[in-house]
Amino acid sequence: MSPSVELLGAVAAVITSLCWLPQMLKILRERQTAGISLSTNAFFASGVFLWLIYGLMIGSWPVIGANAVTLGFVLAIVGLKLRYG
């Protein structure tokens, strides 16, 4: 694959993975999760977990890295929802 395509994928992976960071920080700051759907985030975490397994099976480091980071953030949000929910 060309370097420009790899760069595009890497930038997309960073942006979509880090998009969960502000939500997690907001929850930690406010200690309030009333507007967060537990079922939506649990289903999303399940899907991201499957993407991570897929990435491992095909040996794609961008897929593995992006989904590992995203899964970490989403599981943290689910944990915070359970704690403050």
PDB file of N, CA and C in Angstrom:
ATOM      1  N   MET A   1       0.837  -1.166   0.000  1.00  0.00           N
ATOM      2  CA  MET A   1       0.000   0.000   0.000  1.00  0.00           C
ATOM      3  C   MET A   1       0.888   1.238   0.000  1.00  0.00           C
ATOM      4  N   SER A   2       0.422   2.298  -0.631  1.00  0.00           N
ATOM      5  CA  SER A   2       1.239   3.505  -0.730  1.00  0.00           C
ATOM      6  C   SER A   2       1.320   4.214   0.620  1.00  0.00           C
ATOM      7  N   PRO A   3       2.417   4.931   0.845  1.00  0.00           N
ATOM      8  CA  PRO A   3       2.575   5.642   2.121  1.00  0.00           C
ATOM      9  C   PRO A   3       1.459   6.662   2.388  1.00  0.00           C
ATOM     10  N   SER A   4       0.932   7.296   1.355  1.00  0.00           N
ATOM     11  CA  SER A   4      -0.131   8.283   1.575  1.00  0.00           C
ATOM     12  C   SER A   4      -1.420   7.605   2.040  1.00  0.00           C
ATOM     13  N   VAL A   5      -1.689   6.404   1.544  1.00  0.00           N
ATOM     14  CA  VAL A   5      -2.865   5.660   1.982  1.00  0.00           C
ATOM     15  C   VAL A   5      -2.688   5.217   3.431  1.00  0.00           C
ATOM     16  N   GLU A   6      -1.496   4.741   3.768  1.00  0.00           N
ATOM     17  CA  GLU A   6      -1.207   4.340   5.148  1.00  0.00           C
ATOM     18  C   GLU A   6      -1.317   5.531   6.093  1.00  0.00           C
ATOM     19  N   LEU A   7      -0.827   6.683   5.681  1.00  0.00           N
ATOM     20  CA  LEU A   7      -0.912   7.888   6.505  1.00  0.00           C
ATOM     21  C   LEU A   7      -2.367   8.296   6.723  1.00  0.00           C
ATOM     22  N   LEU A   8      -3.153   8.241   5.661  1.00  0.00           N
ATOM     23  CA  LEU A   8      -4.582   8.562   5.770  1.00  0.00           C
ATOM     24  C   LEU A   8      -5.263   7.639   6.781  1.00  0.00           C
ATOM     25  N   GLY A   9      -4.983   6.354   6.698  1.00  0.00           N
ATOM     26  CA  GLY A   9      -5.550   5.391   7.632  1.00  0.00           C
ATOM     27  C   GLY A   9      -5.088   5.639   9.057  1.00  0.00           C
ATOM     28  N   ALA A  10      -3.819   5.989   9.220  1.00  0.00           N
ATOM     29  CA  ALA A  10      -3.290   6.255  10.556  1.00  0.00           C
ATOM     30  C   ALA A  10      -3.936   7.493  11.172  1.00  0.00           C
ATOM     31  N   VAL A  11      -4.101   8.546  10.390  1.00  0.00           N
ATOM     32  CA  VAL A  11      -4.742   9.766  10.890  1.00  0.00           C
ATOM     33  C   VAL A  11      -6.196   9.481  11.260  1.00  0.00           C
ATOM     34  N   ALA A  12      -6.907   8.745  10.415  1.00  0.00           N
ATOM     35  CA  ALA A  12      -8.296   8.385  10.708  1.00  0.00           C
ATOM     36  C   ALA A  12      -8.376   7.555  11.990  1.00  0.00           C
ATOM     37  N   ALA A  13      -7.456   6.627  12.178  1.00  0.00           N
ATOM     38  CA  ALA A  13      -7.448   5.778  13.372  1.00  0.00           C
ATOM     39  C   ALA A  13      -7.207   6.605  14.632  1.00  0.00           C
ATOM     40  N   VAL A  14      -6.279   7.547  14.572  1.00  0.00           N
ATOM     41  CA  VAL A  14      -5.988   8.386  15.732  1.00  0.00           C
ATOM     42  C   VAL A  14      -7.207   9.235  16.086  1.00  0.00           C
ATOM     43  N   ILE A  15      -7.820   9.861  15.087  1.00  0.00           N
ATOM     44  CA  ILE A  15      -8.978  10.730  15.337  1.00  0.00           C
ATOM     45  C   ILE A  15     -10.143   9.950  15.913  1.00  0.00           C
ATOM     46  N   THR A  16     -10.482   8.829  15.311  1.00  0.00           N
ATOM     47  CA  THR A  16     -11.640   8.072  15.794  1.00  0.00           C
ATOM     48  C   THR A  16     -11.372   7.404  17.138  1.00  0.00           C
ATOM     49  N   SER A  17     -10.127   7.071  17.422  1.00  0.00           N
ATOM     50  CA  SER A  17      -9.805   6.472  18.718  1.00  0.00           C
ATOM     51  C   SER A  17      -9.841   7.512  19.832  1.00  0.00           C
ATOM     52  N   LEU A  18      -9.282   8.676  19.567  1.00  0.00           N
ATOM     53  CA  LEU A  18      -9.201   9.711  20.590  1.00  0.00           C
ATOM     54  C   LEU A  18     -10.506  10.473  20.793  1.00  0.00           C
ATOM     55  N   CYS A  19     -11.486  10.259  19.934  1.00  0.00           N
ATOM     56  CA  CYS A  19     -12.750  10.983  20.085  1.00  0.00           C
ATOM     57  C   CYS A  19     -13.449  10.622  21.386  1.00  0.00           C
ATOM     58  N   TRP A  20     -13.108   9.501  21.998  1.00  0.00           N
ATOM     59  CA  TRP A  20     -13.728   9.076  23.251  1.00  0.00           C
ATOM     60  C   TRP A  20     -13.095   9.724  24.468  1.00  0.00           C
ATOM     61  N   LEU A  21     -11.912  10.275  24.312  1.00  0.00           N
ATOM     62  CA  LEU A  21     -11.208  10.881  25.439  1.00  0.00           C
ATOM     63  C   LEU A  21     -11.978  12.053  26.063  1.00  0.00           C
ATOM     64  N   PRO A  22     -12.514  12.996  25.287  1.00  0.00           N
ATOM     65  CA  PRO A  22     -13.273  14.086  25.919  1.00  0.00           C
ATOM     66  C   PRO A  22     -14.482  13.594  26.715  1.00  0.00           C
ATOM     67  N   GLN A  23     -15.169  12.575  26.233  1.00  0.00           N
ATOM     68  CA  GLN A  23     -16.323  12.034  26.960  1.00  0.00           C
ATOM     69  C   GLN A  23     -15.886  11.437  28.287  1.00  0.00           C
ATOM     70  N   MET A  24     -14.802  10.694  28.252  1.00  0.00           N
ATOM     71  CA  MET A  24     -14.318  10.081  29.468  1.00  0.00           C
ATOM     72  C   MET A  24     -13.874  11.148  30.473  1.00  0.00           C
ATOM     73  N   LEU A  25     -13.175  12.166  30.017  1.00  0.00           N
ATOM     74  CA  LEU A  25     -12.728  13.240  30.900  1.00  0.00           C
ATOM     75  C   LEU A  25     -13.912  14.009  31.488  1.00  0.00           C
ATOM     76  N   LYS A  26     -14.947  14.221  30.685  1.00  0.00           N
ATOM     77  CA  LYS A  26     -16.147  14.915  31.164  1.00  0.00           C
ATOM     78  C   LYS A  26     -16.816  14.115  32.274  1.00  0.00           C
ATOM     79  N   ILE A  27     -16.903  12.816  32.094  1.00  0.00           N
ATOM     80  CA  ILE A  27     -17.507  11.961  33.123  1.00  0.00           C
ATOM     81  C   ILE A  27     -16.676  12.014  34.403  1.00  0.00           C
ATOM     82  N   LEU A  28     -15.367  11.935  34.261  1.00  0.00           N
ATOM     83  CA  LEU A  28     -14.502  11.978  35.438  1.00  0.00           C
ATOM     84  C   LEU A  28     -14.613  13.316  36.160  1.00  0.00           C
ATOM     85  N   ARG A  29     -14.709  14.389  35.400  1.00  0.00           N
ATOM     86  CA  ARG A  29     -14.801  15.722  35.989  1.00  0.00           C
ATOM     87  C   ARG A  29     -16.135  15.937  36.705  1.00  0.00           C
ATOM     88  N   GLU A  30     -17.240  15.525  36.060  1.00  0.00           N
ATOM     89  CA  GLU A  30     -18.577  15.803  36.580  1.00  0.00           C
ATOM     90  C   GLU A  30     -19.138  14.686  37.460  1.00  0.00           C
ATOM     91  N   ARG A  31     -18.554  13.489  37.347  1.00  0.00           N
ATOM     92  CA  ARG A  31     -19.045  12.325  38.080  1.00  0.00           C
ATOM     93  C   ARG A  31     -20.537  12.101  37.858  1.00  0.00           C
ATOM     94  N   GLN A  32     -20.937  12.234  36.613  1.00  0.00           N
ATOM     95  CA  GLN A  32     -22.350  12.125  36.239  1.00  0.00           C
ATOM     96  C   GLN A  32     -22.437  11.480  34.868  1.00  0.00           C
ATOM     97  N   THR A  33     -23.301  10.462  34.736  1.00  0.00           N
ATOM     98  CA  THR A  33     -23.409   9.735  33.471  1.00  0.00           C
ATOM     99  C   THR A  33     -24.854   9.570  33.003  1.00  0.00           C
ATOM    100  N   ALA A  34     -25.735  10.440  33.462  1.00  0.00           N
ATOM    101  CA  ALA A  34     -27.161  10.293  33.123  1.00  0.00           C
ATOM    102  C   ALA A  34     -27.408  10.309  31.618  1.00  0.00           C
ATOM    103  N   GLY A  35     -26.618  11.046  30.872  1.00  0.00           N
ATOM    104  CA  GLY A  35     -26.825  11.137  29.433  1.00  0.00           C
ATOM    105  C   GLY A  35     -26.121  10.059  28.623  1.00  0.00           C
ATOM    106  N   ILE A  36     -25.511   9.104  29.292  1.00  0.00           N
ATOM    107  CA  ILE A  36     -24.756   8.047  28.618  1.00  0.00           C
ATOM    108  C   ILE A  36     -25.586   6.768  28.612  1.00  0.00           C
ATOM    109  N   SER A  37     -25.712   6.146  27.453  1.00  0.00           N
ATOM    110  CA  SER A  37     -26.451   4.891  27.340  1.00  0.00           C
ATOM    111  C   SER A  37     -25.519   3.714  27.602  1.00  0.00           C
ATOM    112  N   LEU A  38     -25.812   2.958  28.639  1.00  0.00           N
ATOM    113  CA  LEU A  38     -25.005   1.787  28.965  1.00  0.00           C
ATOM    114  C   LEU A  38     -25.096   0.736  27.856  1.00  0.00           C
ATOM    115  N   SER A  39     -26.309   0.466  27.379  1.00  0.00           N
ATOM    116  CA  SER A  39     -26.456  -0.583  26.363  1.00  0.00           C
ATOM    117  C   SER A  39     -25.754  -0.197  25.057  1.00  0.00           C
ATOM    118  N   THR A  40     -25.849   1.058  24.654  1.00  0.00           N
ATOM    119  CA  THR A  40     -25.171   1.481  23.426  1.00  0.00           C
ATOM    120  C   THR A  40     -23.669   1.308  23.550  1.00  0.00           C
ATOM    121  N   ASN A  41     -23.107   1.751  24.658  1.00  0.00           N
ATOM    122  CA  ASN A  41     -21.671   1.637  24.843  1.00  0.00           C
ATOM    123  C   ASN A  41     -21.224   0.193  25.012  1.00  0.00           C
ATOM    124  N   ALA A  42     -22.047  -0.638  25.635  1.00  0.00           N
ATOM    125  CA  ALA A  42     -21.710  -2.055  25.774  1.00  0.00           C
ATOM    126  C   ALA A  42     -21.722  -2.760  24.409  1.00  0.00           C
ATOM    127  N   PHE A  43     -22.732  -2.459  23.598  1.00  0.00           N
ATOM    128  CA  PHE A  43     -22.770  -3.035  22.253  1.00  0.00           C
ATOM    129  C   PHE A  43     -21.593  -2.535  21.413  1.00  0.00           C
ATOM    130  N   PHE A  44     -21.293  -1.240  21.533  1.00  0.00           N
ATOM    131  CA  PHE A  44     -20.173  -0.674  20.780  1.00  0.00           C
ATOM    132  C   PHE A  44     -18.856  -1.335  21.199  1.00  0.00           C
ATOM    133  N   ALA A  45     -18.667  -1.523  22.514  1.00  0.00           N
ATOM    134  CA  ALA A  45     -17.459  -2.192  23.003  1.00  0.00           C
ATOM    135  C   ALA A  45     -17.351  -3.609  22.447  1.00  0.00           C
ATOM    136  N   SER A  46     -18.480  -4.300  22.350  1.00  0.00           N
ATOM    137  CA  SER A  46     -18.472  -5.656  21.779  1.00  0.00           C
ATOM    138  C   SER A  46     -18.027  -5.638  20.325  1.00  0.00           C
ATOM    139  N   GLY A  47     -18.543  -4.689  19.569  1.00  0.00           N
ATOM    140  CA  GLY A  47     -18.155  -4.568  18.164  1.00  0.00           C
ATOM    141  C   GLY A  47     -16.688  -4.210  18.004  1.00  0.00           C
ATOM    142  N   VAL A  48     -16.196  -3.292  18.823  1.00  0.00           N
ATOM    143  CA  VAL A  48     -14.786  -2.902  18.768  1.00  0.00           C
ATOM    144  C   VAL A  48     -13.899  -4.083  19.151  1.00  0.00           C
ATOM    145  N   PHE A  49     -14.339  -4.867  20.135  1.00  0.00           N
ATOM    146  CA  PHE A  49     -13.587  -6.069  20.510  1.00  0.00           C
ATOM    147  C   PHE A  49     -13.466  -7.023  19.320  1.00  0.00           C
ATOM    148  N   LEU A  50     -14.565  -7.198  18.590  1.00  0.00           N
ATOM    149  CA  LEU A  50     -14.519  -8.075  17.409  1.00  0.00           C
ATOM    150  C   LEU A  50     -13.600  -7.509  16.328  1.00  0.00           C
ATOM    151  N   TRP A  51     -13.607  -6.170  16.155  1.00  0.00           N
ATOM    152  CA  TRP A  51     -12.673  -5.546  15.204  1.00  0.00           C
ATOM    153  C   TRP A  51     -11.228  -5.791  15.640  1.00  0.00           C
ATOM    154  N   LEU A  52     -10.988  -5.740  16.941  1.00  0.00           N
ATOM    155  CA  LEU A  52      -9.646  -6.004  17.460  1.00  0.00           C
ATOM    156  C   LEU A  52      -9.229  -7.440  17.155  1.00  0.00           C
ATOM    157  N   ILE A  53     -10.113  -8.388  17.382  1.00  0.00           N
ATOM    158  CA  ILE A  53      -9.822  -9.794  17.060  1.00  0.00           C
ATOM    159  C   ILE A  53      -9.554  -9.944  15.560  1.00  0.00           C
ATOM    160  N   TYR A  54     -10.380  -9.303  14.753  1.00  0.00           N
ATOM    161  CA  TYR A  54     -10.186  -9.329  13.298  1.00  0.00           C
ATOM    162  C   TYR A  54      -8.798  -8.787  12.942  1.00  0.00           C
ATOM    163  N   GLY A  55      -8.435  -7.656  13.531  1.00  0.00           N
ATOM    164  CA  GLY A  55      -7.115  -7.079  13.264  1.00  0.00           C
ATOM    165  C   GLY A  55      -5.992  -8.031  13.629  1.00  0.00           C
ATOM    166  N   LEU A  56      -6.151  -8.717  14.773  1.00  0.00           N
ATOM    167  CA  LEU A  56      -5.149  -9.707  15.179  1.00  0.00           C
ATOM    168  C   LEU A  56      -5.085 -10.865  14.181  1.00  0.00           C
ATOM    169  N   MET A  57      -6.231 -11.287  13.701  1.00  0.00           N
ATOM    170  CA  MET A  57      -6.270 -12.426  12.773  1.00  0.00           C
ATOM    171  C   MET A  57      -5.640 -12.094  11.425  1.00  0.00           C
ATOM    172  N   ILE A  58      -5.785 -10.850  10.974  1.00  0.00           N
ATOM    173  CA  ILE A  58      -5.199 -10.477   9.678  1.00  0.00           C
ATOM    174  C   ILE A  58      -3.831  -9.828   9.838  1.00  0.00           C
ATOM    175  N   GLY A  59      -3.427  -9.585  11.089  1.00  0.00           N
ATOM    176  CA  GLY A  59      -2.109  -9.012  11.346  1.00  0.00           C
ATOM    177  C   GLY A  59      -1.972  -7.558  10.933  1.00  0.00           C
ATOM    178  N   SER A  60      -3.041  -6.804  11.046  1.00  0.00           N
ATOM    179  CA  SER A  60      -3.015  -5.389  10.663  1.00  0.00           C
ATOM    180  C   SER A  60      -2.793  -4.515  11.887  1.00  0.00           C
ATOM    181  N   TRP A  61      -1.584  -3.963  12.025  1.00  0.00           N
ATOM    182  CA  TRP A  61      -1.264  -3.153  13.196  1.00  0.00           C
ATOM    183  C   TRP A  61      -2.114  -1.889  13.314  1.00  0.00           C
ATOM    184  N   PRO A  62      -2.454  -1.215  12.221  1.00  0.00           N
ATOM    185  CA  PRO A  62      -3.341  -0.056  12.374  1.00  0.00           C
ATOM    186  C   PRO A  62      -4.715  -0.450  12.927  1.00  0.00           C
ATOM    187  N   VAL A  63      -5.269  -1.561  12.473  1.00  0.00           N
ATOM    188  CA  VAL A  63      -6.569  -2.027  12.964  1.00  0.00           C
ATOM    189  C   VAL A  63      -6.439  -2.453  14.428  1.00  0.00           C
ATOM    190  N   ILE A  64      -5.377  -3.146  14.755  1.00  0.00           N
ATOM    191  CA  ILE A  64      -5.142  -3.592  16.124  1.00  0.00           C
ATOM    192  C   ILE A  64      -4.987  -2.391  17.057  1.00  0.00           C
ATOM    193  N   GLY A  65      -4.116  -1.468  16.702  1.00  0.00           N
ATOM    194  CA  GLY A  65      -3.841  -0.316  17.560  1.00  0.00           C
ATOM    195  C   GLY A  65      -5.058   0.559  17.772  1.00  0.00           C
ATOM    196  N   ALA A  66      -5.737   0.897  16.683  1.00  0.00           N
ATOM    197  CA  ALA A  66      -6.900   1.780  16.778  1.00  0.00           C
ATOM    198  C   ALA A  66      -7.993   1.155  17.636  1.00  0.00           C
ATOM    199  N   ASN A  67      -8.244  -0.113  17.435  1.00  0.00           N
ATOM    200  CA  ASN A  67      -9.322  -0.757  18.177  1.00  0.00           C
ATOM    201  C   ASN A  67      -8.931  -1.064  19.619  1.00  0.00           C
ATOM    202  N   ALA A  68      -7.663  -1.292  19.882  1.00  0.00           N
ATOM    203  CA  ALA A  68      -7.227  -1.502  21.269  1.00  0.00           C
ATOM    204  C   ALA A  68      -7.407  -0.211  22.076  1.00  0.00           C
ATOM    205  N   VAL A  69      -7.003   0.915  21.496  1.00  0.00           N
ATOM    206  CA  VAL A  69      -7.159   2.200  22.181  1.00  0.00           C
ATOM    207  C   VAL A  69      -8.638   2.525  22.371  1.00  0.00           C
ATOM    208  N   THR A  70      -9.418   2.376  21.308  1.00  0.00           N
ATOM    209  CA  THR A  70     -10.853   2.658  21.386  1.00  0.00           C
ATOM    210  C   THR A  70     -11.524   1.771  22.423  1.00  0.00           C
ATOM    211  N   LEU A  71     -11.190   0.492  22.428  1.00  0.00           N
ATOM    212  CA  LEU A  71     -11.784  -0.435  23.396  1.00  0.00           C
ATOM    213  C   LEU A  71     -11.439  -0.012  24.822  1.00  0.00           C
ATOM    214  N   GLY A  72     -10.215   0.412  25.041  1.00  0.00           N
ATOM    215  CA  GLY A  72      -9.828   0.870  26.373  1.00  0.00           C
ATOM    216  C   GLY A  72     -10.667   2.054  26.834  1.00  0.00           C
ATOM    217  N   PHE A  73     -10.835   3.039  25.959  1.00  0.00           N
ATOM    218  CA  PHE A  73     -11.645   4.210  26.310  1.00  0.00           C
ATOM    219  C   PHE A  73     -13.107   3.832  26.548  1.00  0.00           C
ATOM    220  N   VAL A  74     -13.674   3.027  25.667  1.00  0.00           N
ATOM    221  CA  VAL A  74     -15.091   2.683  25.787  1.00  0.00           C
ATOM    222  C   VAL A  74     -15.337   1.821  27.025  1.00  0.00           C
ATOM    223  N   LEU A  75     -14.440   0.905  27.314  1.00  0.00           N
ATOM    224  CA  LEU A  75     -14.602   0.108  28.538  1.00  0.00           C
ATOM    225  C   LEU A  75     -14.482   0.981  29.783  1.00  0.00           C
ATOM    226  N   ALA A  76     -13.618   1.985  29.729  1.00  0.00           N
ATOM    227  CA  ALA A  76     -13.528   2.923  30.848  1.00  0.00           C
ATOM    228  C   ALA A  76     -14.836   3.679  31.013  1.00  0.00           C
ATOM    229  N   ILE A  77     -15.433   4.098  29.903  1.00  0.00           N
ATOM    230  CA  ILE A  77     -16.719   4.802  29.963  1.00  0.00           C
ATOM    231  C   ILE A  77     -17.805   3.877  30.522  1.00  0.00           C
ATOM    232  N   VAL A  78     -17.824   2.634  30.087  1.00  0.00           N
ATOM    233  CA  VAL A  78     -18.803   1.664  30.621  1.00  0.00           C
ATOM    234  C   VAL A  78     -18.586   1.484  32.126  1.00  0.00           C
ATOM    235  N   GLY A  79     -17.342   1.367  32.551  1.00  0.00           N
ATOM    236  CA  GLY A  79     -17.043   1.227  33.968  1.00  0.00           C
ATOM    237  C   GLY A  79     -17.490   2.449  34.764  1.00  0.00           C
ATOM    238  N   LEU A  80     -17.258   3.647  34.197  1.00  0.00           N
ATOM    239  CA  LEU A  80     -17.688   4.873  34.871  1.00  0.00           C
ATOM    240  C   LEU A  80     -19.206   4.965  34.925  1.00  0.00           C
ATOM    241  N   LYS A  81     -19.875   4.508  33.865  1.00  0.00           N
ATOM    242  CA  LYS A  81     -21.332   4.478  33.859  1.00  0.00           C
ATOM    243  C   LYS A  81     -21.852   3.568  34.974  1.00  0.00           C
ATOM    244  N   LEU A  82     -21.240   2.418  35.119  1.00  0.00           N
ATOM    245  CA  LEU A  82     -21.641   1.487  36.169  1.00  0.00           C
ATOM    246  C   LEU A  82     -21.368   2.075  37.562  1.00  0.00           C
ATOM    247  N   ARG A  83     -20.303   2.818  37.685  1.00  0.00           N
ATOM    248  CA  ARG A  83     -19.941   3.404  38.985  1.00  0.00           C
ATOM    249  C   ARG A  83     -20.813   4.616  39.328  1.00  0.00           C
ATOM    250  N   TYR A  84     -21.015   5.507  38.365  1.00  0.00           N
ATOM    251  CA  TYR A  84     -21.725   6.766  38.637  1.00  0.00           C
ATOM    252  C   TYR A  84     -23.163   6.771  38.129  1.00  0.00           C
ATOM    253  N   GLY A  85     -23.535   5.719  37.390  1.00  0.00           N
ATOM    254  CA  GLY A  85     -24.780   5.662  36.677  1.00  0.00           C
ATOM    255  C   GLY A  85     -26.023   5.848  37.414  1.00  0.00           C
TER     256      GLY A  85
END
